[in-house]
mmCIF file of all heavy atoms, coordinates in Angstrom:
data_MODEL
# 
_entry.id   MODEL 
# 
loop_
_atom_site.group_PDB 
_atom_site.id 
_atom_site.type_symbol 
_atom_site.label_atom_id 
_atom_site.label_alt_id 
_atom_site.label_comp_id 
_atom_site.label_asym_id 
_atom_site.label_entity_id 
_atom_site.label_seq_id 
_atom_site.pdbx_PDB_ins_code 
_atom_site.Cartn_x 
_atom_site.Cartn_y 
_atom_site.Cartn_z 
_atom_site.occupancy 
_atom_site.B_iso_or_equiv 
_atom_site.pdbx_formal_charge 
_atom_site.auth_seq_id 
_atom_site.auth_comp_id 
_atom_site.auth_asym_id 
_atom_site.auth_atom_id 
_atom_site.pdbx_PDB_model_num 
ATOM 1   N N   . LYS A 1 1  ? -5.697  -12.771 -18.190 1.00 0.00 ? 1  LYS A N   1 
ATOM 2   C CA  . LYS A 1 1  ? -5.465  -13.893 -17.287 1.00 0.00 ? 1  LYS A CA  1 
ATOM 3   C C   . LYS A 1 1  ? -4.842  -15.071 -17.996 1.00 0.00 ? 1  LYS A C   1 
ATOM 4   O O   . LYS A 1 1  ? -3.890  -15.698 -17.492 1.00 0.00 ? 1  LYS A O   1 
ATOM 5   C CB  . LYS A 1 1  ? -6.798  -14.325 -16.667 1.00 0.00 ? 1  LYS A CB  1 
ATOM 6   C CG  . LYS A 1 1  ? -6.710  -15.482 -15.678 1.00 0.00 ? 1  LYS A CG  1 
ATOM 7   C CD  . LYS A 1 1  ? -8.054  -15.855 -15.117 1.00 0.00 ? 1  LYS A CD  1 
ATOM 8   C CE  . LYS A 1 1  ? -7.930  -17.024 -14.126 1.00 0.00 ? 1  LYS A CE  1 
ATOM 9   N NZ  . LYS A 1 1  ? -9.251  -17.375 -13.545 1.00 0.00 ? 1  LYS A NZ  1 
ATOM 10  N N   . LEU A 1 2  ? -5.288  -15.339 -19.241 1.00 0.00 ? 2  LEU A N   1 
ATOM 11  C CA  . LEU A 1 2  ? -4.694  -16.451 -19.971 1.00 0.00 ? 2  LEU A CA  1 
ATOM 12  C C   . LEU A 1 2  ? -3.232  -16.169 -20.346 1.00 0.00 ? 2  LEU A C   1 
ATOM 13  O O   . LEU A 1 2  ? -2.385  -17.064 -20.203 1.00 0.00 ? 2  LEU A O   1 
ATOM 14  C CB  . LEU A 1 2  ? -5.529  -16.640 -21.288 1.00 0.00 ? 2  LEU A CB  1 
ATOM 15  C CG  . LEU A 1 2  ? -6.915  -17.213 -21.101 1.00 0.00 ? 2  LEU A CG  1 
ATOM 16  C CD1 . LEU A 1 2  ? -7.673  -17.063 -22.447 1.00 0.00 ? 2  LEU A CD1 1 
ATOM 17  C CD2 . LEU A 1 2  ? -6.815  -18.703 -20.794 1.00 0.00 ? 2  LEU A CD2 1 
ATOM 18  N N   . VAL A 1 3  ? -2.960  -14.960 -20.776 1.00 0.00 ? 3  VAL A N   1 
ATOM 19  C CA  . VAL A 1 3  ? -1.576  -14.652 -21.172 1.00 0.00 ? 3  VAL A CA  1 
ATOM 20  C C   . VAL A 1 3  ? -0.642  -14.637 -19.962 1.00 0.00 ? 3  VAL A C   1 
ATOM 21  O O   . VAL A 1 3  ? 0.449   -15.201 -20.024 1.00 0.00 ? 3  VAL A O   1 
ATOM 22  C CB  . VAL A 1 3  ? -1.548  -13.269 -21.847 1.00 0.00 ? 3  VAL A CB  1 
ATOM 23  C CG1 . VAL A 1 3  ? -0.114  -12.820 -22.097 1.00 0.00 ? 3  VAL A CG1 1 
ATOM 24  C CG2 . VAL A 1 3  ? -2.298  -13.311 -23.206 1.00 0.00 ? 3  VAL A CG2 1 
ATOM 25  N N   . SER A 1 4  ? -1.087  -14.035 -18.878 1.00 0.00 ? 4  SER A N   1 
ATOM 26  C CA  . SER A 1 4  ? -0.205  -13.964 -17.709 1.00 0.00 ? 4  SER A CA  1 
ATOM 27  C C   . SER A 1 4  ? -0.016  -15.313 -17.066 1.00 0.00 ? 4  SER A C   1 
ATOM 28  O O   . SER A 1 4  ? 1.110   -15.631 -16.562 1.00 0.00 ? 4  SER A O   1 
ATOM 29  C CB  . SER A 1 4  ? -0.777  -12.967 -16.674 1.00 0.00 ? 4  SER A CB  1 
ATOM 30  O OG  . SER A 1 4  ? -2.110  -13.355 -16.305 1.00 0.00 ? 4  SER A OG  1 
ATOM 31  N N   . ALA A 1 5  ? -1.011  -16.177 -17.146 1.00 0.00 ? 5  ALA A N   1 
ATOM 32  C CA  . ALA A 1 5  ? -0.860  -17.544 -16.615 1.00 0.00 ? 5  ALA A CA  1 
ATOM 33  C C   . ALA A 1 5  ? 0.197   -18.331 -17.355 1.00 0.00 ? 5  ALA A C   1 
ATOM 34  O O   . ALA A 1 5  ? 0.829   -19.244 -16.755 1.00 0.00 ? 5  ALA A O   1 
ATOM 35  C CB  . ALA A 1 5  ? -2.217  -18.260 -16.668 1.00 0.00 ? 5  ALA A CB  1 
ATOM 36  N N   . ALA A 1 6  ? 0.385   -18.005 -18.622 1.00 0.00 ? 6  ALA A N   1 
ATOM 37  C CA  . ALA A 1 6  ? 1.413   -18.717 -19.400 1.00 0.00 ? 6  ALA A CA  1 
ATOM 38  C C   . ALA A 1 6  ? 2.803   -18.474 -18.830 1.00 0.00 ? 6  ALA A C   1 
ATOM 39  O O   . ALA A 1 6  ? 3.705   -19.326 -18.964 1.00 0.00 ? 6  ALA A O   1 
ATOM 40  C CB  . ALA A 1 6  ? 1.321   -18.246 -20.866 1.00 0.00 ? 6  ALA A CB  1 
ATOM 41  N N   . LEU A 1 7  ? 2.937   -17.321 -18.164 1.00 0.00 ? 7  LEU A N   1 
ATOM 42  C CA  . LEU A 1 7  ? 4.288   -16.987 -17.612 1.00 0.00 ? 7  LEU A CA  1 
ATOM 43  C C   . LEU A 1 7  ? 4.623   -17.805 -16.380 1.00 0.00 ? 7  LEU A C   1 
ATOM 44  O O   . LEU A 1 7  ? 5.741   -17.763 -15.898 1.00 0.00 ? 7  LEU A O   1 
ATOM 45  C CB  . LEU A 1 7  ? 4.360   -15.500 -17.280 1.00 0.00 ? 7  LEU A CB  1 
ATOM 46  C CG  . LEU A 1 7  ? 4.762   -14.584 -18.421 1.00 0.00 ? 7  LEU A CG  1 
ATOM 47  C CD1 . LEU A 1 7  ? 3.668   -14.520 -19.511 1.00 0.00 ? 7  LEU A CD1 1 
ATOM 48  C CD2 . LEU A 1 7  ? 5.082   -13.182 -17.952 1.00 0.00 ? 7  LEU A CD2 1 
ATOM 49  N N   . ARG A 1 8  ? 3.642   -18.559 -15.879 1.00 0.00 ? 8  ARG A N   1 
ATOM 50  C CA  . ARG A 1 8  ? 3.932   -19.442 -14.735 1.00 0.00 ? 8  ARG A CA  1 
ATOM 51  C C   . ARG A 1 8  ? 4.866   -20.601 -15.152 1.00 0.00 ? 8  ARG A C   1 
ATOM 52  O O   . ARG A 1 8  ? 5.568   -21.151 -14.349 1.00 0.00 ? 8  ARG A O   1 
ATOM 53  C CB  . ARG A 1 8  ? 2.640   -20.029 -14.194 1.00 0.00 ? 8  ARG A CB  1 
ATOM 54  C CG  . ARG A 1 8  ? 1.713   -19.082 -13.511 1.00 0.00 ? 8  ARG A CG  1 
ATOM 55  C CD  . ARG A 1 8  ? 0.514   -19.855 -12.998 1.00 0.00 ? 8  ARG A CD  1 
ATOM 56  N NE  . ARG A 1 8  ? -0.471  -18.979 -12.381 1.00 0.00 ? 8  ARG A NE  1 
ATOM 57  C CZ  . ARG A 1 8  ? -0.532  -18.615 -11.080 1.00 0.00 ? 8  ARG A CZ  1 
ATOM 58  N NH1 . ARG A 1 8  ? 0.437   -19.064 -10.298 1.00 0.00 ? 8  ARG A NH1 1 
ATOM 59  N NH2 . ARG A 1 8  ? -1.473  -17.855 -10.626 1.00 0.00 ? 8  ARG A NH2 1 
ATOM 60  N N   . ASN A 1 9  ? 4.736   -20.969 -16.431 1.00 0.00 ? 9  ASN A N   1 
ATOM 61  C CA  . ASN A 1 9  ? 5.548   -22.091 -16.943 1.00 0.00 ? 9  ASN A CA  1 
ATOM 62  C C   . ASN A 1 9  ? 7.056   -21.774 -16.927 1.00 0.00 ? 9  ASN A C   1 
ATOM 63  O O   . ASN A 1 9  ? 7.441   -20.753 -17.419 1.00 0.00 ? 9  ASN A O   1 
ATOM 64  C CB  . ASN A 1 9  ? 5.127   -22.480 -18.355 1.00 0.00 ? 9  ASN A CB  1 
ATOM 65  C CG  . ASN A 1 9  ? 5.617   -23.869 -18.741 1.00 0.00 ? 9  ASN A CG  1 
ATOM 66  O OD1 . ASN A 1 9  ? 6.812   -24.141 -18.697 1.00 0.00 ? 9  ASN A OD1 1 
ATOM 67  N ND2 . ASN A 1 9  ? 4.711   -24.745 -19.167 1.00 0.00 ? 9  ASN A ND2 1 
ATOM 68  N N   . PRO A 1 10 ? 7.889   -22.652 -16.328 1.00 0.00 ? 10 PRO A N   1 
ATOM 69  C CA  . PRO A 1 10 ? 9.308   -22.382 -16.273 1.00 0.00 ? 10 PRO A CA  1 
ATOM 70  C C   . PRO A 1 10 ? 9.948   -22.248 -17.656 1.00 0.00 ? 10 PRO A C   1 
ATOM 71  O O   . PRO A 1 10 ? 11.004  -21.620 -17.789 1.00 0.00 ? 10 PRO A O   1 
ATOM 72  C CB  . PRO A 1 10 ? 9.880   -23.647 -15.574 1.00 0.00 ? 10 PRO A CB  1 
ATOM 73  C CG  . PRO A 1 10 ? 8.725   -24.178 -14.795 1.00 0.00 ? 10 PRO A CG  1 
ATOM 74  C CD  . PRO A 1 10 ? 7.500   -23.870 -15.593 1.00 0.00 ? 10 PRO A CD  1 
ATOM 75  N N   . GLU A 1 11 ? 9.327   -22.795 -18.704 1.00 0.00 ? 11 GLU A N   1 
ATOM 76  C CA  . GLU A 1 11 ? 9.851   -22.699 -20.073 1.00 0.00 ? 11 GLU A CA  1 
ATOM 77  C C   . GLU A 1 11 ? 9.722   -21.270 -20.590 1.00 0.00 ? 11 GLU A C   1 
ATOM 78  O O   . GLU A 1 11 ? 10.483  -20.876 -21.486 1.00 0.00 ? 11 GLU A O   1 
ATOM 79  C CB  . GLU A 1 11 ? 9.122   -23.642 -20.993 1.00 0.00 ? 11 GLU A CB  1 
ATOM 80  C CG  . GLU A 1 11 ? 9.436   -25.135 -20.770 1.00 0.00 ? 11 GLU A CG  1 
ATOM 81  C CD  . GLU A 1 11 ? 10.858  -25.449 -21.098 1.00 0.00 ? 11 GLU A CD  1 
ATOM 82  O OE1 . GLU A 1 11 ? 11.390  -25.002 -22.160 1.00 0.00 ? 11 GLU A OE1 1 
ATOM 83  O OE2 . GLU A 1 11 ? 11.516  -26.173 -20.307 1.00 0.00 ? 11 GLU A OE2 1 
ATOM 84  N N   . CYS A 1 12 ? 8.782   -20.524 -20.098 1.00 0.00 ? 12 CYS A N   1 
ATOM 85  C CA  . CYS A 1 12 ? 8.501   -19.169 -20.592 1.00 0.00 ? 12 CYS A CA  1 
ATOM 86  C C   . CYS A 1 12 ? 9.544   -18.180 -19.975 1.00 0.00 ? 12 CYS A C   1 
ATOM 87  O O   . CYS A 1 12 ? 9.688   -18.117 -18.759 1.00 0.00 ? 12 CYS A O   1 
ATOM 88  C CB  . CYS A 1 12 ? 7.113   -18.723 -20.198 1.00 0.00 ? 12 CYS A CB  1 
ATOM 89  S SG  . CYS A 1 12 ? 6.646   -17.129 -20.862 1.00 0.00 ? 12 CYS A SG  1 
ATOM 90  N N   . LYS A 1 13 ? 10.262  -17.437 -20.846 1.00 0.00 ? 13 LYS A N   1 
ATOM 91  C CA  . LYS A 1 13 ? 11.360  -16.605 -20.367 1.00 0.00 ? 13 LYS A CA  1 
ATOM 92  C C   . LYS A 1 13 ? 11.088  -15.102 -20.609 1.00 0.00 ? 13 LYS A C   1 
ATOM 93  O O   . LYS A 1 13 ? 12.001  -14.300 -20.734 1.00 0.00 ? 13 LYS A O   1 
ATOM 94  C CB  . LYS A 1 13 ? 12.633  -17.013 -21.073 1.00 0.00 ? 13 LYS A CB  1 
ATOM 95  C CG  . LYS A 1 13 ? 13.035  -18.448 -20.952 1.00 0.00 ? 13 LYS A CG  1 
ATOM 96  C CD  . LYS A 1 13 ? 13.287  -18.852 -19.503 1.00 0.00 ? 13 LYS A CD  1 
ATOM 97  C CE  . LYS A 1 13 ? 13.724  -20.308 -19.387 1.00 0.00 ? 13 LYS A CE  1 
ATOM 98  N NZ  . LYS A 1 13 ? 13.936  -20.738 -17.992 1.00 0.00 ? 13 LYS A NZ  1 
ATOM 99  N N   . ILE A 1 14 ? 9.826   -14.737 -20.690 1.00 0.00 ? 14 ILE A N   1 
ATOM 100 C CA  . ILE A 1 14 ? 9.484   -13.317 -21.021 1.00 0.00 ? 14 ILE A CA  1 
ATOM 101 C C   . ILE A 1 14 ? 10.011  -12.392 -19.940 1.00 0.00 ? 14 ILE A C   1 
ATOM 102 O O   . ILE A 1 14 ? 9.767   -12.609 -18.748 1.00 0.00 ? 14 ILE A O   1 
ATOM 103 C CB  . ILE A 1 14 ? 7.996   -13.150 -21.206 1.00 0.00 ? 14 ILE A CB  1 
ATOM 104 C CG1 . ILE A 1 14 ? 7.544   -13.828 -22.517 1.00 0.00 ? 14 ILE A CG1 1 
ATOM 105 C CG2 . ILE A 1 14 ? 7.631   -11.664 -21.268 1.00 0.00 ? 14 ILE A CG2 1 
ATOM 106 C CD1 . ILE A 1 14 ? 6.071   -13.761 -22.764 1.00 0.00 ? 14 ILE A CD1 1 
ATOM 107 N N   . GLN A 1 15 ? 10.727  -11.354 -20.341 1.00 0.00 ? 15 GLN A N   1 
ATOM 108 C CA  . GLN A 1 15 ? 11.277  -10.381 -19.451 1.00 0.00 ? 15 GLN A CA  1 
ATOM 109 C C   . GLN A 1 15 ? 10.492  -9.063  -19.495 1.00 0.00 ? 15 GLN A C   1 
ATOM 110 O O   . GLN A 1 15 ? 10.370  -8.358  -18.444 1.00 0.00 ? 15 GLN A O   1 
ATOM 111 C CB  . GLN A 1 15 ? 12.759  -10.103 -19.793 1.00 0.00 ? 15 GLN A CB  1 
ATOM 112 C CG  . GLN A 1 15 ? 13.644  -11.309 -19.681 1.00 0.00 ? 15 GLN A CG  1 
ATOM 113 C CD  . GLN A 1 15 ? 15.033  -11.032 -20.207 1.00 0.00 ? 15 GLN A CD  1 
ATOM 114 O OE1 . GLN A 1 15 ? 15.406  -9.899  -20.520 1.00 0.00 ? 15 GLN A OE1 1 
ATOM 115 N NE2 . GLN A 1 15 ? 15.850  -12.070 -20.346 1.00 0.00 ? 15 GLN A NE2 1 
ATOM 116 N N   . THR A 1 16 ? 9.979   -8.716  -20.663 1.00 0.00 ? 16 THR A N   1 
ATOM 117 C CA  . THR A 1 16 ? 9.254   -7.459  -20.847 1.00 0.00 ? 16 THR A CA  1 
ATOM 118 C C   . THR A 1 16 ? 7.875   -7.751  -21.417 1.00 0.00 ? 16 THR A C   1 
ATOM 119 O O   . THR A 1 16 ? 7.748   -8.415  -22.469 1.00 0.00 ? 16 THR A O   1 
ATOM 120 C CB  . THR A 1 16 ? 10.008  -6.528  -21.831 1.00 0.00 ? 16 THR A CB  1 
ATOM 121 O OG1 . THR A 1 16 ? 11.327  -6.303  -21.333 1.00 0.00 ? 16 THR A OG1 1 
ATOM 122 C CG2 . THR A 1 16 ? 9.263   -5.240  -21.995 1.00 0.00 ? 16 THR A CG2 1 
ATOM 123 N N   . LEU A 1 17 ? 6.819   -7.278  -20.720 1.00 0.00 ? 17 LEU A N   1 
ATOM 124 C CA  . LEU A 1 17 ? 5.432   -7.486  -21.107 1.00 0.00 ? 17 LEU A CA  1 
ATOM 125 C C   . LEU A 1 17 ? 4.689   -6.168  -21.189 1.00 0.00 ? 17 LEU A C   1 
ATOM 126 O O   . LEU A 1 17 ? 4.632   -5.454  -20.198 1.00 0.00 ? 17 LEU A O   1 
ATOM 127 C CB  . LEU A 1 17 ? 4.759   -8.469  -20.119 1.00 0.00 ? 17 LEU A CB  1 
ATOM 128 C CG  . LEU A 1 17 ? 3.337   -8.848  -20.355 1.00 0.00 ? 17 LEU A CG  1 
ATOM 129 C CD1 . LEU A 1 17 ? 3.201   -9.576  -21.711 1.00 0.00 ? 17 LEU A CD1 1 
ATOM 130 C CD2 . LEU A 1 17 ? 2.779   -9.663  -19.242 1.00 0.00 ? 17 LEU A CD2 1 
ATOM 131 N N   . TRP A 1 18 ? 4.163   -5.896  -22.379 1.00 0.00 ? 18 TRP A N   1 
ATOM 132 C CA  . TRP A 1 18 ? 3.406   -4.661  -22.577 1.00 0.00 ? 18 TRP A CA  1 
ATOM 133 C C   . TRP A 1 18 ? 1.922   -5.020  -22.684 1.00 0.00 ? 18 TRP A C   1 
ATOM 134 O O   . TRP A 1 18 ? 1.500   -5.722  -23.612 1.00 0.00 ? 18 TRP A O   1 
ATOM 135 C CB  . TRP A 1 18 ? 3.868   -3.973  -23.877 1.00 0.00 ? 18 TRP A CB  1 
ATOM 136 C CG  . TRP A 1 18 ? 5.296   -3.554  -23.907 1.00 0.00 ? 18 TRP A CG  1 
ATOM 137 C CD1 . TRP A 1 18 ? 6.389   -4.340  -24.073 1.00 0.00 ? 18 TRP A CD1 1 
ATOM 138 C CD2 . TRP A 1 18 ? 5.798   -2.211  -23.744 1.00 0.00 ? 18 TRP A CD2 1 
ATOM 139 N NE1 . TRP A 1 18 ? 7.513   -3.593  -24.041 1.00 0.00 ? 18 TRP A NE1 1 
ATOM 140 C CE2 . TRP A 1 18 ? 7.193   -2.273  -23.828 1.00 0.00 ? 18 TRP A CE2 1 
ATOM 141 C CE3 . TRP A 1 18 ? 5.158   -0.968  -23.549 1.00 0.00 ? 18 TRP A CE3 1 
ATOM 142 C CZ2 . TRP A 1 18 ? 7.988   -1.154  -23.733 1.00 0.00 ? 18 TRP A CZ2 1 
ATOM 143 C CZ3 . TRP A 1 18 ? 5.969   0.184   -23.447 1.00 0.00 ? 18 TRP A CZ3 1 
ATOM 144 C CH2 . TRP A 1 18 ? 7.355   0.075   -23.544 1.00 0.00 ? 18 TRP A CH2 1 
ATOM 145 N N   . LEU A 1 19 ? 1.131   -4.455  -21.759 1.00 0.00 ? 19 LEU A N   1 
ATOM 146 C CA  . LEU A 1 19 ? -0.294  -4.661  -21.747 1.00 0.00 ? 19 LEU A CA  1 
ATOM 147 C C   . LEU A 1 19 ? -1.034  -3.305  -21.586 1.00 0.00 ? 19 LEU A C   1 
ATOM 148 O O   . LEU A 1 19 ? -1.831  -3.126  -20.695 1.00 0.00 ? 19 LEU A O   1 
ATOM 149 C CB  . LEU A 1 19 ? -0.714  -5.621  -20.626 1.00 0.00 ? 19 LEU A CB  1 
ATOM 150 C CG  . LEU A 1 19 ? -0.206  -7.067  -20.793 1.00 0.00 ? 19 LEU A CG  1 
ATOM 151 C CD1 . LEU A 1 19 ? -0.481  -7.838  -19.505 1.00 0.00 ? 19 LEU A CD1 1 
ATOM 152 C CD2 . LEU A 1 19 ? -0.889  -7.748  -21.970 1.00 0.00 ? 19 LEU A CD2 1 
ATOM 153 N N   . ILE A 1 20 ? -0.698  -2.365  -22.464 1.00 0.00 ? 20 ILE A N   1 
ATOM 154 C CA  . ILE A 1 20 ? -1.285  -1.038  -22.395 1.00 0.00 ? 20 ILE A CA  1 
ATOM 155 C C   . ILE A 1 20 ? -2.650  -1.011  -23.081 1.00 0.00 ? 20 ILE A C   1 
ATOM 156 O O   . ILE A 1 20 ? -2.805  -1.520  -24.206 1.00 0.00 ? 20 ILE A O   1 
ATOM 157 C CB  . ILE A 1 20 ? -0.358  0.008   -23.057 1.00 0.00 ? 20 ILE A CB  1 
ATOM 158 C CG1 . ILE A 1 20 ? 1.027   0.037   -22.375 1.00 0.00 ? 20 ILE A CG1 1 
ATOM 159 C CG2 . ILE A 1 20 ? -0.972  1.387   -23.069 1.00 0.00 ? 20 ILE A CG2 1 
ATOM 160 C CD1 . ILE A 1 20 ? 2.044   0.838   -23.111 1.00 0.00 ? 20 ILE A CD1 1 
ATOM 161 N N   . ARG A 1 21 ? -3.637  -0.469  -22.393 1.00 0.00 ? 21 ARG A N   1 
ATOM 162 C CA  . ARG A 1 21 ? -4.974  -0.321  -22.930 1.00 0.00 ? 21 ARG A CA  1 
ATOM 163 C C   . ARG A 1 21 ? -5.517  -1.607  -23.511 1.00 0.00 ? 21 ARG A C   1 
ATOM 164 O O   . ARG A 1 21 ? -5.896  -1.730  -24.689 1.00 0.00 ? 21 ARG A O   1 
ATOM 165 C CB  . ARG A 1 21 ? -5.019  0.796   -24.007 1.00 0.00 ? 21 ARG A CB  1 
ATOM 166 C CG  . ARG A 1 21 ? -6.466  1.253   -24.301 1.00 0.00 ? 21 ARG A CG  1 
ATOM 167 C CD  . ARG A 1 21 ? -6.487  2.456   -25.184 1.00 0.00 ? 21 ARG A CD  1 
ATOM 168 N NE  . ARG A 1 21 ? -5.982  3.649   -24.452 1.00 0.00 ? 21 ARG A NE  1 
ATOM 169 C CZ  . ARG A 1 21 ? -5.834  4.865   -25.001 1.00 0.00 ? 21 ARG A CZ  1 
ATOM 170 N NH1 . ARG A 1 21 ? -6.191  5.058   -26.271 1.00 0.00 ? 21 ARG A NH1 1 
ATOM 171 N NH2 . ARG A 1 21 ? -5.373  5.871   -24.285 1.00 0.00 ? 21 ARG A NH2 1 
ATOM 172 N N   . VAL A 1 22 ? -5.580  -2.645  -22.680 1.00 0.00 ? 22 VAL A N   1 
ATOM 173 C CA  . VAL A 1 22 ? -6.106  -3.948  -23.084 1.00 0.00 ? 22 VAL A CA  1 
ATOM 174 C C   . VAL A 1 22 ? -7.404  -4.295  -22.389 1.00 0.00 ? 22 VAL A C   1 
ATOM 175 O O   . VAL A 1 22 ? -7.888  -5.391  -22.510 1.00 0.00 ? 22 VAL A O   1 
ATOM 176 C CB  . VAL A 1 22 ? -5.079  -5.046  -22.826 1.00 0.00 ? 22 VAL A CB  1 
ATOM 177 C CG1 . VAL A 1 22 ? -3.820  -4.864  -23.689 1.00 0.00 ? 22 VAL A CG1 1 
ATOM 178 C CG2 . VAL A 1 22 ? -4.682  -5.105  -21.345 1.00 0.00 ? 22 VAL A CG2 1 
ATOM 179 N N   . GLY A 1 23 ? -7.998  -3.341  -21.647 1.00 0.00 ? 23 GLY A N   1 
ATOM 180 C CA  . GLY A 1 23 ? -9.263  -3.584  -20.981 1.00 0.00 ? 23 GLY A CA  1 
ATOM 181 C C   . GLY A 1 23 ? -9.135  -4.252  -19.628 1.00 0.00 ? 23 GLY A C   1 
ATOM 182 O O   . GLY A 1 23 ? -10.093 -4.899  -19.155 1.00 0.00 ? 23 GLY A O   1 
ATOM 183 N N   . LEU A 1 24 ? -7.985  -4.143  -18.996 1.00 0.00 ? 24 LEU A N   1 
ATOM 184 C CA  . LEU A 1 24 ? -7.761  -4.726  -17.667 1.00 0.00 ? 24 LEU A CA  1 
ATOM 185 C C   . LEU A 1 24 ? -8.451  -3.881  -16.633 1.00 0.00 ? 24 LEU A C   1 
ATOM 186 O O   . LEU A 1 24 ? -8.372  -2.654  -16.571 1.00 0.00 ? 24 LEU A O   1 
ATOM 187 C CB  . LEU A 1 24 ? -6.268  -4.807  -17.374 1.00 0.00 ? 24 LEU A CB  1 
ATOM 188 C CG  . LEU A 1 24 ? -5.894  -5.375  -16.022 1.00 0.00 ? 24 LEU A CG  1 
ATOM 189 C CD1 . LEU A 1 24 ? -6.256  -6.870  -15.951 1.00 0.00 ? 24 LEU A CD1 1 
ATOM 190 C CD2 . LEU A 1 24 ? -4.398  -5.255  -15.817 1.00 0.00 ? 24 LEU A CD2 1 
ATOM 191 N N   . THR A 1 25 ? -9.215  -4.574  -15.695 1.00 0.00 ? 25 THR A N   1 
ATOM 192 C CA  . THR A 1 25 ? -9.919  -3.901  -14.572 1.00 0.00 ? 25 THR A CA  1 
ATOM 193 C C   . THR A 1 25 ? -9.451  -4.491  -13.248 1.00 0.00 ? 25 THR A C   1 
ATOM 194 O O   . THR A 1 25 ? -8.613  -5.375  -13.219 1.00 0.00 ? 25 THR A O   1 
ATOM 195 C CB  . THR A 1 25 ? -11.436 -4.059  -14.737 1.00 0.00 ? 25 THR A CB  1 
ATOM 196 O OG1 . THR A 1 25 ? -11.767 -5.427  -14.419 1.00 0.00 ? 25 THR A OG1 1 
ATOM 197 C CG2 . THR A 1 25 ? -11.911 -3.704  -16.157 1.00 0.00 ? 25 THR A CG2 1 
ATOM 198 N N   . ASP A 1 26 ? -10.018 -3.970  -12.194 1.00 0.00 ? 26 ASP A N   1 
ATOM 199 C CA  . ASP A 1 26 ? -9.696  -4.450  -10.863 1.00 0.00 ? 26 ASP A CA  1 
ATOM 200 C C   . ASP A 1 26 ? -9.982  -5.964  -10.715 1.00 0.00 ? 26 ASP A C   1 
ATOM 201 O O   . ASP A 1 26 ? -9.284  -6.656  -10.026 1.00 0.00 ? 26 ASP A O   1 
ATOM 202 C CB  . ASP A 1 26 ? -10.482 -3.695  -9.777  1.00 0.00 ? 26 ASP A CB  1 
ATOM 203 C CG  . ASP A 1 26 ? -10.088 -2.243  -9.696  1.00 0.00 ? 26 ASP A CG  1 
ATOM 204 O OD1 . ASP A 1 26 ? -8.924  -1.938  -9.928  1.00 0.00 ? 26 ASP A OD1 1 
ATOM 205 O OD2 . ASP A 1 26 ? -10.978 -1.428  -9.394  1.00 0.00 ? 26 ASP A OD2 1 
ATOM 206 N N   . SER A 1 27 ? -11.021 -6.435  -11.421 1.00 0.00 ? 27 SER A N   1 
ATOM 207 C CA  . SER A 1 27 ? -11.363 -7.864  -11.343 1.00 0.00 ? 27 SER A CA  1 
ATOM 208 C C   . SER A 1 27 ? -10.226 -8.739  -11.837 1.00 0.00 ? 27 SER A C   1 
ATOM 209 O O   . SER A 1 27 ? -10.059 -9.883  -11.358 1.00 0.00 ? 27 SER A O   1 
ATOM 210 C CB  . SER A 1 27 ? -12.612 -8.107  -12.167 1.00 0.00 ? 27 SER A CB  1 
ATOM 211 O OG  . SER A 1 27 ? -13.703 -7.366  -11.682 1.00 0.00 ? 27 SER A OG  1 
ATOM 212 N N   . GLY A 1 28 ? -9.477  -8.247  -12.821 1.00 0.00 ? 28 GLY A N   1 
ATOM 213 C CA  . GLY A 1 28 ? -8.390  -9.073  -13.364 1.00 0.00 ? 28 GLY A CA  1 
ATOM 214 C C   . GLY A 1 28 ? -7.045  -8.840  -12.715 1.00 0.00 ? 28 GLY A C   1 
ATOM 215 O O   . GLY A 1 28 ? -6.107  -9.600  -12.950 1.00 0.00 ? 28 GLY A O   1 
# 
C-alpha cells in the first residue's frame, strides 16, 4: 500500500512494477 500510493504523485514516472511473492492478499 505504501509503495503503490507513491505512484499517485505526478512526479513518479514508474512504468514497470514487479511485486512477485510479496505477501499481497485480497485485503490489500
